[in-house]
Amino acid sequence: MPIYEFHCDKCGVDSEILVRSSKWEGTPCPKCGSKKLSKKLSVFTSSVASEAAAPSCTGKPSSCGMCGTGKAHSH
């Protein structure tokens, strides 16, 4: 079930609402109950692992982050 962002045309409040159907029309505003909602364009972010977060060799096989990665390293 997707969460959509809406703007209420009556009270001006922006809300995130869990909608159980693709037919969101008629969903009431959680603040005032009005059904005059406009669906907003949602913005999302993503992250990519950086080199700083890459596994490193600790020198001990029991806690080495490089063992099993297939990358060359030594203990």
PDB file of N, CA and C in Angstrom:
ATOM      1  N   MET A   1       0.841  -1.178   0.000  1.00  0.00           N
ATOM      2  CA  MET A   1       0.000   0.000   0.000  1.00  0.00           C
ATOM      3  C   MET A   1       0.885   1.240   0.000  1.00  0.00           C
ATOM      4  N   PRO A   2       0.716   2.090  -0.972  1.00  0.00           N
ATOM      5  CA  PRO A   2       1.571   3.268  -1.057  1.00  0.00           C
ATOM      6  C   PRO A   2       1.149   4.389  -0.105  1.00  0.00           C
ATOM      7  N   ILE A   3       2.147   5.179   0.253  1.00  0.00           N
ATOM      8  CA  ILE A   3       1.892   6.389   1.031  1.00  0.00           C
ATOM      9  C   ILE A   3       2.016   7.552   0.049  1.00  0.00           C
ATOM     10  N   TYR A   4       0.970   8.342  -0.039  1.00  0.00           N
ATOM     11  CA  TYR A   4       0.965   9.494  -0.932  1.00  0.00           C
ATOM     12  C   TYR A   4       1.026  10.777  -0.114  1.00  0.00           C
ATOM     13  N   GLU A   5       1.553  11.827  -0.747  1.00  0.00           N
ATOM     14  CA  GLU A   5       1.546  13.145  -0.134  1.00  0.00           C
ATOM     15  C   GLU A   5       0.418  13.942  -0.762  1.00  0.00           C
ATOM     16  N   PHE A   6      -0.360  14.594   0.089  1.00  0.00           N
ATOM     17  CA  PHE A   6      -1.495  15.393  -0.371  1.00  0.00           C
ATOM     18  C   PHE A   6      -1.438  16.794   0.209  1.00  0.00           C
ATOM     19  N   HIS A   7      -2.080  17.718  -0.488  1.00  0.00           N
ATOM     20  CA  HIS A   7      -2.284  19.076  -0.001  1.00  0.00           C
ATOM     21  C   HIS A   7      -3.792  19.300   0.071  1.00  0.00           C
ATOM     22  N   CYS A   8      -4.262  19.752   1.233  1.00  0.00           N
ATOM     23  CA  CYS A   8      -5.686  20.027   1.391  1.00  0.00           C
ATOM     24  C   CYS A   8      -5.979  21.431   0.884  1.00  0.00           C
ATOM     25  N   ASP A   9      -6.868  21.523  -0.088  1.00  0.00           N
ATOM     26  CA  ASP A   9      -7.220  22.820  -0.661  1.00  0.00           C
ATOM     27  C   ASP A   9      -8.060  23.657   0.298  1.00  0.00           C
ATOM     28  N   LYS A  10      -8.674  23.026   1.296  1.00  0.00           N
ATOM     29  CA  LYS A  10      -9.525  23.753   2.238  1.00  0.00           C
ATOM     30  C   LYS A  10      -8.722  24.356   3.397  1.00  0.00           C
ATOM     31  N   CYS A  11      -7.940  23.516   4.111  1.00  0.00           N
ATOM     32  CA  CYS A  11      -7.221  24.022   5.292  1.00  0.00           C
ATOM     33  C   CYS A  11      -5.747  24.309   5.025  1.00  0.00           C
ATOM     34  N   GLY A  12      -5.229  23.886   3.851  1.00  0.00           N
ATOM     35  CA  GLY A  12      -3.852  24.193   3.481  1.00  0.00           C
ATOM     36  C   GLY A  12      -2.794  23.276   4.076  1.00  0.00           C
ATOM     37  N   VAL A  13      -3.201  22.210   4.752  1.00  0.00           N
ATOM     38  CA  VAL A  13      -2.255  21.299   5.393  1.00  0.00           C
ATOM     39  C   VAL A  13      -1.741  20.267   4.398  1.00  0.00           C
ATOM     40  N   ASP A  14      -0.434  19.987   4.475  1.00  0.00           N
ATOM     41  CA  ASP A  14       0.162  18.908   3.691  1.00  0.00           C
ATOM     42  C   ASP A  14       0.216  17.673   4.577  1.00  0.00           C
ATOM     43  N   SER A  15      -0.150  16.510   4.029  1.00  0.00           N
ATOM     44  CA  SER A  15      -0.201  15.273   4.801  1.00  0.00           C
ATOM     45  C   SER A  15       0.315  14.105   3.983  1.00  0.00           C
ATOM     46  N   GLU A  16       0.874  13.110   4.685  1.00  0.00           N
ATOM     47  CA  GLU A  16       1.214  11.835   4.079  1.00  0.00           C
ATOM     48  C   GLU A  16       0.131  10.857   4.515  1.00  0.00           C
ATOM     49  N   ILE A  17      -0.506  10.202   3.548  1.00  0.00           N
ATOM     50  CA  ILE A  17      -1.638   9.334   3.858  1.00  0.00           C
ATOM     51  C   ILE A  17      -1.426   7.970   3.202  1.00  0.00           C
ATOM     52  N   LEU A  18      -1.594   6.911   3.982  1.00  0.00           N
ATOM     53  CA  LEU A  18      -1.554   5.552   3.467  1.00  0.00           C
ATOM     54  C   LEU A  18      -2.862   5.285   2.741  1.00  0.00           C
ATOM     55  N   VAL A  19      -2.772   4.980   1.446  1.00  0.00           N
ATOM     56  CA  VAL A  19      -3.964   4.772   0.628  1.00  0.00           C
ATOM     57  C   VAL A  19      -4.027   3.303   0.238  1.00  0.00           C
ATOM     58  N   ARG A  20      -5.145   2.653   0.519  1.00  0.00           N
ATOM     59  CA  ARG A  20      -5.294   1.226   0.274  1.00  0.00           C
ATOM     60  C   ARG A  20      -5.691   0.889  -1.159  1.00  0.00           C
ATOM     61  N   SER A  21      -5.870   1.882  -1.986  1.00  0.00           N
ATOM     62  CA  SER A  21      -6.301   1.655  -3.356  1.00  0.00           C
ATOM     63  C   SER A  21      -5.668   2.706  -4.253  1.00  0.00           C
ATOM     64  N   SER A  22      -5.598   2.423  -5.556  1.00  0.00           N
ATOM     65  CA  SER A  22      -5.074   3.421  -6.489  1.00  0.00           C
ATOM     66  C   SER A  22      -6.090   4.540  -6.708  1.00  0.00           C
ATOM     67  N   LYS A  23      -7.314   4.330  -6.245  1.00  0.00           N
ATOM     68  CA  LYS A  23      -8.358   5.358  -6.349  1.00  0.00           C
ATOM     69  C   LYS A  23      -8.365   6.170  -5.064  1.00  0.00           C
ATOM     70  N   TRP A  24      -7.475   7.172  -4.995  1.00  0.00           N
ATOM     71  CA  TRP A  24      -7.334   7.981  -3.785  1.00  0.00           C
ATOM     72  C   TRP A  24      -8.364   9.097  -3.694  1.00  0.00           C
ATOM     73  N   GLU A  25      -9.067   9.389  -4.796  1.00  0.00           N
ATOM     74  CA  GLU A  25     -10.072  10.446  -4.761  1.00  0.00           C
ATOM     75  C   GLU A  25     -11.108  10.111  -3.693  1.00  0.00           C
ATOM     76  N   GLY A  26     -11.475  11.085  -2.897  1.00  0.00           N
ATOM     77  CA  GLY A  26     -12.442  10.875  -1.831  1.00  0.00           C
ATOM     78  C   GLY A  26     -11.779  10.606  -0.489  1.00  0.00           C
ATOM     79  N   THR A  27     -10.443  10.526  -0.485  1.00  0.00           N
ATOM     80  CA  THR A  27      -9.719  10.353   0.775  1.00  0.00           C
ATOM     81  C   THR A  27      -9.850  11.648   1.567  1.00  0.00           C
ATOM     82  N   PRO A  28     -10.269  11.575   2.829  1.00  0.00           N
ATOM     83  CA  PRO A  28     -10.447  12.799   3.614  1.00  0.00           C
ATOM     84  C   PRO A  28      -9.135  13.334   4.189  1.00  0.00           C
ATOM     85  N   CYS A  29      -9.075  14.640   4.351  1.00  0.00           N
ATOM     86  CA  CYS A  29      -7.949  15.303   4.996  1.00  0.00           C
ATOM     87  C   CYS A  29      -7.927  14.882   6.468  1.00  0.00           C
ATOM     88  N   PRO A  30      -6.769  14.460   6.991  1.00  0.00           N
ATOM     89  CA  PRO A  30      -6.713  14.041   8.386  1.00  0.00           C
ATOM     90  C   PRO A  30      -6.944  15.185   9.384  1.00  0.00           C
ATOM     91  N   LYS A  31      -6.792  16.441   8.937  1.00  0.00           N
ATOM     92  CA  LYS A  31      -6.988  17.573   9.853  1.00  0.00           C
ATOM     93  C   LYS A  31      -8.431  18.068   9.854  1.00  0.00           C
ATOM     94  N   CYS A  32      -8.988  18.323   8.657  1.00  0.00           N
ATOM     95  CA  CYS A  32     -10.309  18.959   8.624  1.00  0.00           C
ATOM     96  C   CYS A  32     -11.408  18.065   8.045  1.00  0.00           C
ATOM     97  N   GLY A  33     -11.026  16.923   7.437  1.00  0.00           N
ATOM     98  CA  GLY A  33     -12.025  16.016   6.888  1.00  0.00           C
ATOM     99  C   GLY A  33     -12.474  16.340   5.472  1.00  0.00           C
ATOM    100  N   SER A  34     -11.979  17.446   4.919  1.00  0.00           N
ATOM    101  CA  SER A  34     -12.354  17.813   3.556  1.00  0.00           C
ATOM    102  C   SER A  34     -11.850  16.765   2.572  1.00  0.00           C
ATOM    103  N   LYS A  35     -12.594  16.576   1.499  1.00  0.00           N
ATOM    104  CA  LYS A  35     -12.190  15.632   0.468  1.00  0.00           C
ATOM    105  C   LYS A  35     -11.606  16.355  -0.740  1.00  0.00           C
ATOM    106  N   LYS A  36     -11.235  17.623  -0.548  1.00  0.00           N
ATOM    107  CA  LYS A  36     -10.642  18.424  -1.614  1.00  0.00           C
ATOM    108  C   LYS A  36      -9.122  18.369  -1.484  1.00  0.00           C
ATOM    109  N   LEU A  37      -8.549  17.194  -1.805  1.00  0.00           N
ATOM    110  CA  LEU A  37      -7.113  17.002  -1.709  1.00  0.00           C
ATOM    111  C   LEU A  37      -6.482  17.023  -3.093  1.00  0.00           C
ATOM    112  N   SER A  38      -5.275  17.557  -3.146  1.00  0.00           N
ATOM    113  CA  SER A  38      -4.475  17.525  -4.369  1.00  0.00           C
ATOM    114  C   SER A  38      -3.276  16.636  -4.087  1.00  0.00           C
ATOM    115  N   LYS A  39      -3.020  15.699  -4.988  1.00  0.00           N
ATOM    116  CA  LYS A  39      -1.879  14.806  -4.827  1.00  0.00           C
ATOM    117  C   LYS A  39      -0.613  15.567  -5.198  1.00  0.00           C
ATOM    118  N   LYS A  40       0.383  15.513  -4.309  1.00  0.00           N
ATOM    119  CA  LYS A  40       1.642  16.207  -4.540  1.00  0.00           C
ATOM    120  C   LYS A  40       2.643  15.284  -5.207  1.00  0.00           C
ATOM    121  N   LEU A  41       3.610  15.867  -5.888  1.00  0.00           N
ATOM    122  CA  LEU A  41       4.697  15.110  -6.474  1.00  0.00           C
ATOM    123  C   LEU A  41       5.674  14.777  -5.354  1.00  0.00           C
ATOM    124  N   SER A  42       5.876  13.509  -5.086  1.00  0.00           N
ATOM    125  CA  SER A  42       6.763  13.088  -4.009  1.00  0.00           C
ATOM    126  C   SER A  42       8.212  13.147  -4.457  1.00  0.00           C
ATOM    127  N   VAL A  43       9.072  13.549  -3.552  1.00  0.00           N
ATOM    128  CA  VAL A  43      10.501  13.605  -3.794  1.00  0.00           C
ATOM    129  C   VAL A  43      11.145  12.537  -2.924  1.00  0.00           C
ATOM    130  N   PHE A  44      12.074  11.815  -3.477  1.00  0.00           N
ATOM    131  CA  PHE A  44      12.744  10.791  -2.699  1.00  0.00           C
ATOM    132  C   PHE A  44      14.247  10.927  -2.860  1.00  0.00           C
ATOM    133  N   THR A  45      14.975  10.306  -1.957  1.00  0.00           N
ATOM    134  CA  THR A  45      16.426  10.322  -2.043  1.00  0.00           C
ATOM    135  C   THR A  45      16.937   8.898  -1.989  1.00  0.00           C
ATOM    136  N   SER A  46      18.126   8.720  -2.436  1.00  0.00           N
ATOM    137  CA  SER A  46      18.777   7.429  -2.322  1.00  0.00           C
ATOM    138  C   SER A  46      20.231   7.677  -1.962  1.00  0.00           C
ATOM    139  N   SER A  47      20.871   6.675  -1.443  1.00  0.00           N
ATOM    140  CA  SER A  47      22.280   6.833  -1.104  1.00  0.00           C
ATOM    141  C   SER A  47      23.069   5.696  -1.733  1.00  0.00           C
ATOM    142  N   VAL A  48      24.314   5.990  -1.986  1.00  0.00           N
ATOM    143  CA  VAL A  48      25.216   5.015  -2.567  1.00  0.00           C
ATOM    144  C   VAL A  48      26.387   4.874  -1.605  1.00  0.00           C
ATOM    145  N   ALA A  49      26.808   3.656  -1.368  1.00  0.00           N
ATOM    146  CA  ALA A  49      27.937   3.433  -0.470  1.00  0.00           C
ATOM    147  C   ALA A  49      29.163   4.172  -0.998  1.00  0.00           C
ATOM    148  N   SER A  50      29.838   4.855  -0.126  1.00  0.00           N
ATOM    149  CA  SER A  50      31.024   5.600  -0.521  1.00  0.00           C
ATOM    150  C   SER A  50      32.274   4.797  -0.187  1.00  0.00           C
ATOM    151  N   GLU A  51      33.397   5.257  -0.660  1.00  0.00           N
ATOM    152  CA  GLU A  51      34.663   4.591  -0.359  1.00  0.00           C
ATOM    153  C   GLU A  51      34.930   4.593   1.144  1.00  0.00           C
ATOM    154  N   ALA A  52      34.484   5.631   1.857  1.00  0.00           N
ATOM    155  CA  ALA A  52      34.703   5.715   3.297  1.00  0.00           C
ATOM    156  C   ALA A  52      33.978   4.592   4.031  1.00  0.00           C
ATOM    157  N   ALA A  53      32.889   4.118   3.462  1.00  0.00           N
ATOM    158  CA  ALA A  53      32.103   3.065   4.103  1.00  0.00           C
ATOM    159  C   ALA A  53      32.519   1.677   3.615  1.00  0.00           C
ATOM    160  N   ALA A  54      33.531   1.606   2.766  1.00  0.00           N
ATOM    161  CA  ALA A  54      33.967   0.332   2.224  1.00  0.00           C
ATOM    162  C   ALA A  54      34.582  -0.524   3.331  1.00  0.00           C
ATOM    163  N   PRO A  55      34.439  -1.836   3.238  1.00  0.00           N
ATOM    164  CA  PRO A  55      35.021  -2.710   4.249  1.00  0.00           C
ATOM    165  C   PRO A  55      36.536  -2.594   4.262  1.00  0.00           C
ATOM    166  N   SER A  56      37.128  -2.799   5.420  1.00  0.00           N
ATOM    167  CA  SER A  56      38.578  -2.720   5.536  1.00  0.00           C
ATOM    168  C   SER A  56      39.117  -3.962   6.231  1.00  0.00           C
ATOM    169  N   CYS A  57      40.382  -4.220   6.020  1.00  0.00           N
ATOM    170  CA  CYS A  57      41.038  -5.375   6.614  1.00  0.00           C
ATOM    171  C   CYS A  57      41.507  -4.992   8.015  1.00  0.00           C
ATOM    172  N   THR A  58      41.108  -5.778   9.009  1.00  0.00           N
ATOM    173  CA  THR A  58      41.498  -5.517  10.394  1.00  0.00           C
ATOM    174  C   THR A  58      42.762  -6.267  10.782  1.00  0.00           C
ATOM    175  N   GLY A  59      43.180  -7.200   9.923  1.00  0.00           N
ATOM    176  CA  GLY A  59      44.349  -8.000  10.234  1.00  0.00           C
ATOM    177  C   GLY A  59      44.004  -9.298  10.933  1.00  0.00           C
ATOM    178  N   LYS A  60      42.753  -9.479  11.314  1.00  0.00           N
ATOM    179  CA  LYS A  60      42.309 -10.693  11.990  1.00  0.00           C
ATOM    180  C   LYS A  60      41.180 -11.313  11.161  1.00  0.00           C
ATOM    181  N   PRO A  61      41.336 -12.566  10.733  1.00  0.00           N
ATOM    182  CA  PRO A  61      40.300 -13.196   9.901  1.00  0.00           C
ATOM    183  C   PRO A  61      38.912 -13.208  10.535  1.00  0.00           C
ATOM    184  N   SER A  62      38.825 -13.261  11.860  1.00  0.00           N
ATOM    185  CA  SER A  62      37.513 -13.336  12.503  1.00  0.00           C
ATOM    186  C   SER A  62      36.728 -12.030  12.410  1.00  0.00           C
ATOM    187  N   SER A  63      37.425 -10.913  12.190  1.00  0.00           N
ATOM    188  CA  SER A  63      36.722  -9.633  12.122  1.00  0.00           C
ATOM    189  C   SER A  63      37.076  -8.827  10.877  1.00  0.00           C
ATOM    190  N   CYS A  64      37.673  -9.493   9.893  1.00  0.00           N
ATOM    191  CA  CYS A  64      38.106  -8.808   8.682  1.00  0.00           C
ATOM    192  C   CYS A  64      36.914  -8.519   7.770  1.00  0.00           C
ATOM    193  N   GLY A  65      36.770  -7.289   7.391  1.00  0.00           N
ATOM    194  CA  GLY A  65      35.688  -6.898   6.493  1.00  0.00           C
ATOM    195  C   GLY A  65      35.971  -7.213   5.040  1.00  0.00           C
ATOM    196  N   MET A  66      37.222  -7.559   4.733  1.00  0.00           N
ATOM    197  CA  MET A  66      37.601  -7.850   3.351  1.00  0.00           C
ATOM    198  C   MET A  66      37.485  -9.333   3.010  1.00  0.00           C
ATOM    199  N   CYS A  67      37.607 -10.211   4.017  1.00  0.00           N
ATOM    200  CA  CYS A  67      37.519 -11.652   3.752  1.00  0.00           C
ATOM    201  C   CYS A  67      36.153 -11.988   3.148  1.00  0.00           C
ATOM    202  N   GLY A  68      36.181 -12.743   2.085  1.00  0.00           N
ATOM    203  CA  GLY A  68      34.952 -13.156   1.437  1.00  0.00           C
ATOM    204  C   GLY A  68      34.468 -12.193   0.373  1.00  0.00           C
ATOM    205  N   THR A  69      35.140 -11.050   0.198  1.00  0.00           N
ATOM    206  CA  THR A  69      34.712 -10.094  -0.825  1.00  0.00           C
ATOM    207  C   THR A  69      35.335 -10.364  -2.171  1.00  0.00           C
ATOM    208  N   GLY A  70      36.401 -11.177  -2.179  1.00  0.00           N
ATOM    209  CA  GLY A  70      37.108 -11.445  -3.431  1.00  0.00           C
ATOM    210  C   GLY A  70      38.157 -10.393  -3.748  1.00  0.00           C
ATOM    211  N   LYS A  71      38.307  -9.388  -2.899  1.00  0.00           N
ATOM    212  CA  LYS A  71      39.310  -8.341  -3.103  1.00  0.00           C
ATOM    213  C   LYS A  71      40.605  -8.759  -2.422  1.00  0.00           C
ATOM    214  N   ALA A  72      41.715  -8.453  -3.084  1.00  0.00           N
ATOM    215  CA  ALA A  72      43.021  -8.845  -2.555  1.00  0.00           C
ATOM    216  C   ALA A  72      43.337  -8.069  -1.274  1.00  0.00           C
ATOM    217  N   HIS A  73      43.827  -8.799  -0.282  1.00  0.00           N
ATOM    218  CA  HIS A  73      44.281  -8.202   0.972  1.00  0.00           C
ATOM    219  C   HIS A  73      45.119  -9.233   1.718  1.00  0.00           C
ATOM    220  N   SER A  74      45.795  -8.815   2.757  1.00  0.00           N
ATOM    221  CA  SER A  74      46.602  -9.772   3.504  1.00  0.00           C
ATOM    222  C   SER A  74      46.435  -9.534   4.991  1.00  0.00           C
ATOM    223  N   HIS A  75      46.656 -10.584   5.750  1.00  0.00           N
ATOM    224  CA  HIS A  75      46.539 -10.500   7.216  1.00  0.00           C
ATOM    225  C   HIS A  75      47.884 -10.425   7.840  1.00  0.00           C
TER     226      HIS A  75
END
